[in-house]
Amino acid sequence: MLLQSFAGTKLFTQEIQIKAIPYPMHFDIKPKDFQIKGDNELVISAAGNTNLFTSPDGGFEQNTAPKLLFRPGSDFIFTSKIQTEFKAPSWDAGVLLVYNDPKHYAKFCFENDYTGQPRVVSVVCNETGDDCNSIAVDKKEVFYRIIGSAGKNSFSFYHSADGKNWYLIRSFKLDKFDNIQIGFSAQSPIGKECKVVFSNIDLQQKKPADWWKGE
């Protein structure tokens, strides 16, 4: 696999294909490991000290988490089931991502929070980030969905326990959207490794019939 140096990390130059995603994908930062299984399953293992976050006060910034990205069409519904292998006391996460650049992105995390509770967590970064802890999850897996319009710079995050009934978590815009990509990420800020299984991956190139219901 061809690699090149990039800002102290490793940039994948090889295109990666998943049948459920009709676009070429690439890692911007080298994962510890990854696998593609069948038509719609992906496994990403992030090494330790990996994160994508800029604190609200701008005093902390880290962009070391591997991100597997692709450019969607203008209107899309992007869905995946996420299983995160929580090993560290806090902040291991599997992530669906909207990414323009290291200062403008939004990540939708299935994460163990600062108390160790698996939780729906989201971050929207416009130069600096916020940090929103939402619904506690008592299962080992969740379903996440992003509905977006890259052309209109409008995005929404949804959570589901069963992949059928969706609950709106938040909607937002990014201050820059000239290079919008979406995709998958994993992180382990204080751990040694975080393995994440993304399955039931689905991409629909359309507007939702009912925005509130996420479908």
Protein backbone atom coordinates (compact mmCIF):
# COMPACT_ATOMS: atom_id res chain seq x y z
CA MET A 1 0.00 0.00 0.00
CA LEU A 2 1.48 3.32 -1.07
CA LEU A 3 1.93 5.85 1.72
CA GLN A 4 3.36 9.33 1.86
CA SER A 5 4.32 11.59 4.75
CA PHE A 6 1.83 14.29 5.73
CA ALA A 7 2.20 16.64 8.72
CA GLY A 8 3.82 14.00 10.87
CA THR A 9 1.23 11.35 10.02
CA LYS A 10 0.73 9.01 7.09
CA LEU A 11 -1.57 9.76 4.17
CA PHE A 12 -3.07 6.86 2.22
CA THR A 13 -2.95 7.46 -1.52
CA GLN A 14 -4.74 4.21 -2.37
CA GLU A 15 -8.43 4.41 -3.18
CA ILE A 16 -10.63 2.15 -1.04
CA GLN A 17 -13.98 0.81 -2.19
CA ILE A 18 -17.01 -0.48 -0.30
CA LYS A 19 -19.87 -1.70 -2.44
CA ALA A 20 -22.45 0.18 -0.36
CA ILE A 21 -20.65 3.46 -1.12
CA PRO A 22 -20.55 4.23 -4.87
CA TYR A 23 -17.60 6.62 -4.51
CA PRO A 24 -13.85 6.11 -4.00
CA MET A 25 -12.71 6.62 -0.43
CA HIS A 26 -9.35 7.40 1.14
CA PHE A 27 -7.82 7.55 4.61
CA ASP A 28 -6.33 10.92 5.41
CA ILE A 29 -4.42 9.47 8.38
CA LYS A 30 -3.13 5.93 8.71
CA PRO A 31 -5.25 3.65 10.94
CA LYS A 32 -3.66 0.95 13.03
CA ASP A 33 -5.61 -1.55 10.93
CA PHE A 34 -8.71 -1.77 8.77
CA GLN A 35 -10.77 -4.45 7.04
CA ILE A 36 -13.61 -4.47 4.55
CA LYS A 37 -16.08 -7.32 4.97
CA GLY A 38 -18.76 -8.08 2.41
CA ASP A 39 -20.71 -5.30 0.75
CA ASN A 40 -21.42 -3.04 3.72
CA GLU A 41 -19.15 -3.70 6.67
CA LEU A 42 -15.97 -1.89 7.67
CA VAL A 43 -13.64 -2.37 10.63
CA ILE A 44 -11.27 0.42 11.68
CA SER A 45 -8.75 0.17 14.52
CA ALA A 46 -7.34 3.46 15.76
CA ALA A 47 -4.02 3.53 17.60
CA GLY A 48 -3.58 5.20 20.97
CA ASN A 49 -3.38 8.99 21.30
CA THR A 50 -5.77 9.50 18.41
CA ASN A 51 -8.42 12.21 18.41
CA LEU A 52 -10.05 14.94 16.35
CA PHE A 53 -10.93 17.84 18.61
CA THR A 54 -10.40 21.57 19.12
CA SER A 55 -11.51 22.79 22.52
CA PRO A 56 -14.05 25.64 22.78
CA ASP A 57 -11.38 27.98 24.14
CA GLY A 58 -8.90 27.02 21.43
CA GLY A 59 -6.36 25.89 24.00
CA PHE A 60 -6.25 22.26 22.84
CA GLU A 61 -6.16 20.92 19.31
CA GLN A 62 -5.53 17.41 18.00
CA ASN A 63 -6.02 15.90 14.56
CA THR A 64 -4.57 12.38 14.74
CA ALA A 65 -7.65 10.15 14.31
CA PRO A 66 -7.84 8.10 11.09
CA LYS A 67 -10.67 9.25 8.82
CA LEU A 68 -11.98 7.28 5.84
CA LEU A 69 -13.64 9.91 3.65
CA PHE A 70 -15.54 10.31 0.40
CA ARG A 71 -17.40 13.08 -1.42
CA PRO A 72 -21.17 12.52 -1.46
CA GLY A 73 -23.68 13.92 -3.90
CA SER A 74 -25.43 17.12 -2.87
CA ASP A 75 -28.34 15.48 -0.99
CA PHE A 76 -27.70 12.31 0.99
CA ILE A 77 -28.86 9.99 3.78
CA PHE A 78 -25.84 8.19 5.27
CA THR A 79 -26.44 5.37 7.77
CA SER A 80 -24.39 2.84 9.72
CA LYS A 81 -24.64 0.60 12.75
CA ILE A 82 -21.67 1.22 15.05
CA GLN A 83 -20.10 -1.18 17.54
CA THR A 84 -17.25 0.36 19.55
CA GLU A 85 -14.82 -1.77 21.53
CA PHE A 86 -14.50 0.34 24.68
CA LYS A 87 -11.16 -0.44 26.34
CA ALA A 88 -9.98 2.88 27.76
CA PRO A 89 -11.74 4.45 30.78
CA SER A 90 -13.03 7.30 28.60
CA TRP A 91 -13.36 8.71 25.09
CA ASP A 92 -12.86 5.67 22.88
CA ALA A 93 -15.29 6.22 20.00
CA GLY A 94 -16.62 5.09 16.66
CA VAL A 95 -17.56 8.07 14.53
CA LEU A 96 -19.58 9.15 11.51
CA LEU A 97 -18.07 12.34 10.20
CA VAL A 98 -18.79 15.45 8.15
CA TYR A 99 -15.40 16.92 7.30
CA ASN A 100 -14.31 19.99 5.37
CA ASP A 101 -10.87 20.65 6.90
CA PRO A 102 -9.18 20.38 10.34
CA LYS A 103 -10.96 23.55 11.51
CA HIS A 104 -14.42 22.84 10.07
CA TYR A 105 -16.02 19.47 10.74
CA ALA A 106 -18.69 17.67 12.73
CA LYS A 107 -18.28 14.26 14.33
CA PHE A 108 -21.06 12.00 15.57
CA CYS A 109 -19.57 9.65 18.16
CA PHE A 110 -20.60 6.44 19.88
CA GLU A 111 -18.28 7.15 22.79
CA ASN A 112 -17.67 6.23 26.40
CA ASP A 113 -17.94 9.56 28.19
CA TYR A 114 -15.83 10.98 31.02
CA THR A 115 -17.65 8.68 33.48
CA GLY A 116 -17.18 5.59 31.28
CA GLN A 117 -20.84 5.48 30.17
CA PRO A 118 -21.36 4.66 26.46
CA ARG A 119 -23.19 7.63 25.03
CA VAL A 120 -24.32 9.52 21.95
CA VAL A 121 -21.82 12.39 21.69
CA SER A 122 -21.42 15.06 19.01
CA VAL A 123 -18.97 17.83 18.22
CA VAL A 124 -19.37 20.66 15.71
CA CYS A 125 -16.20 22.62 15.00
CA ASN A 126 -16.13 26.03 13.32
CA GLU A 127 -12.55 27.10 14.10
CA THR A 128 -13.19 25.87 17.67
CA GLY A 129 -15.41 23.00 18.73
CA ASP A 130 -18.29 22.39 21.07
CA ASP A 131 -18.83 19.12 22.96
CA CYS A 132 -22.34 17.76 23.47
CA ASN A 133 -23.08 14.66 25.57
CA SER A 134 -26.51 13.31 24.70
CA ILE A 135 -28.37 9.98 25.14
CA ALA A 136 -26.84 7.23 27.30
CA VAL A 137 -26.65 3.86 25.51
CA ASP A 138 -26.90 0.61 27.45
CA LYS A 139 -26.40 -1.65 24.42
CA LYS A 140 -23.15 -2.53 22.65
CA GLU A 141 -24.32 -1.03 19.38
CA VAL A 142 -26.23 1.93 18.00
CA PHE A 143 -27.48 3.08 14.62
CA TYR A 144 -26.43 6.51 13.40
CA ARG A 145 -27.65 8.52 10.44
CA ILE A 146 -26.51 11.77 8.85
CA ILE A 147 -28.90 13.60 6.55
CA GLY A 148 -27.27 16.38 4.61
CA SER A 149 -27.13 18.71 1.68
CA ALA A 150 -23.53 19.52 0.86
CA GLY A 151 -24.63 22.14 -1.65
CA LYS A 152 -26.73 23.99 0.96
CA ASN A 153 -24.32 23.29 3.83
CA SER A 154 -27.04 21.81 6.03
CA PHE A 155 -26.62 18.62 8.10
CA SER A 156 -28.52 16.68 10.77
CA PHE A 157 -27.52 13.83 13.11
CA TYR A 158 -29.98 11.07 14.08
CA HIS A 159 -29.77 8.17 16.54
CA SER A 160 -31.72 4.90 16.56
CA ALA A 161 -31.71 1.87 18.84
CA ASP A 162 -33.13 -0.42 16.16
CA GLY A 163 -32.29 1.17 12.80
CA LYS A 164 -35.99 1.85 12.17
CA ASN A 165 -37.12 4.63 14.49
CA TRP A 166 -34.90 7.71 14.35
CA TYR A 167 -34.45 10.51 16.86
CA LEU A 168 -33.01 13.88 15.85
CA ILE A 169 -29.94 14.79 17.92
CA ARG A 170 -28.91 18.09 16.32
CA SER A 171 -28.78 20.12 13.09
CA PHE A 172 -26.03 22.52 12.09
CA LYS A 173 -24.02 24.25 9.40
CA LEU A 174 -20.27 24.62 8.92
CA ASP A 175 -18.71 28.02 8.30
CA LYS A 176 -16.67 26.55 5.43
CA PHE A 177 -18.07 23.92 3.06
CA ASP A 178 -15.92 24.14 -0.08
CA ASN A 179 -14.43 20.66 0.46
CA ILE A 180 -17.21 18.69 2.18
CA GLN A 181 -16.58 14.97 2.63
CA ILE A 182 -18.29 12.43 4.85
CA GLY A 183 -17.18 9.09 6.22
CA PHE A 184 -15.95 7.04 9.15
CA SER A 185 -13.46 7.52 11.97
CA ALA A 186 -12.23 5.90 15.18
CA GLN A 187 -10.39 7.38 18.14
CA SER A 188 -8.65 6.45 21.37
CA PRO A 189 -7.40 9.68 23.00
CA ILE A 190 -6.14 8.12 26.25
CA GLY A 191 -6.19 4.40 25.39
CA LYS A 192 -3.89 2.11 23.43
CA GLU A 193 -6.32 1.12 20.66
CA CYS A 194 -9.98 1.35 19.71
CA LYS A 195 -11.57 -1.13 17.30
CA VAL A 196 -14.84 -0.09 15.66
CA VAL A 197 -17.16 -2.15 13.47
CA PHE A 198 -19.34 -0.20 11.04
CA SER A 199 -22.03 -2.42 9.53
CA ASN A 200 -25.37 -2.03 7.74
CA ILE A 201 -23.68 0.81 5.84
CA ASP A 202 -26.08 2.55 3.48
CA LEU A 203 -25.92 5.68 1.34
CA GLN A 204 -29.00 7.11 -0.37
CA GLN A 205 -28.62 10.08 -2.68
CA LYS A 206 -31.88 11.88 -1.97
CA LYS A 207 -33.68 14.30 0.32
CA PRO A 208 -35.60 12.84 3.28
CA ALA A 209 -39.35 12.44 2.90
CA ASP A 210 -39.78 13.46 6.56
CA TRP A 211 -36.92 15.44 8.10
CA TRP A 212 -38.21 15.08 11.68
CA LYS A 213 -38.44 11.30 11.38
CA GLY A 214 -35.07 11.08 9.65
CA GLU A 215 -36.35 9.03 6.74
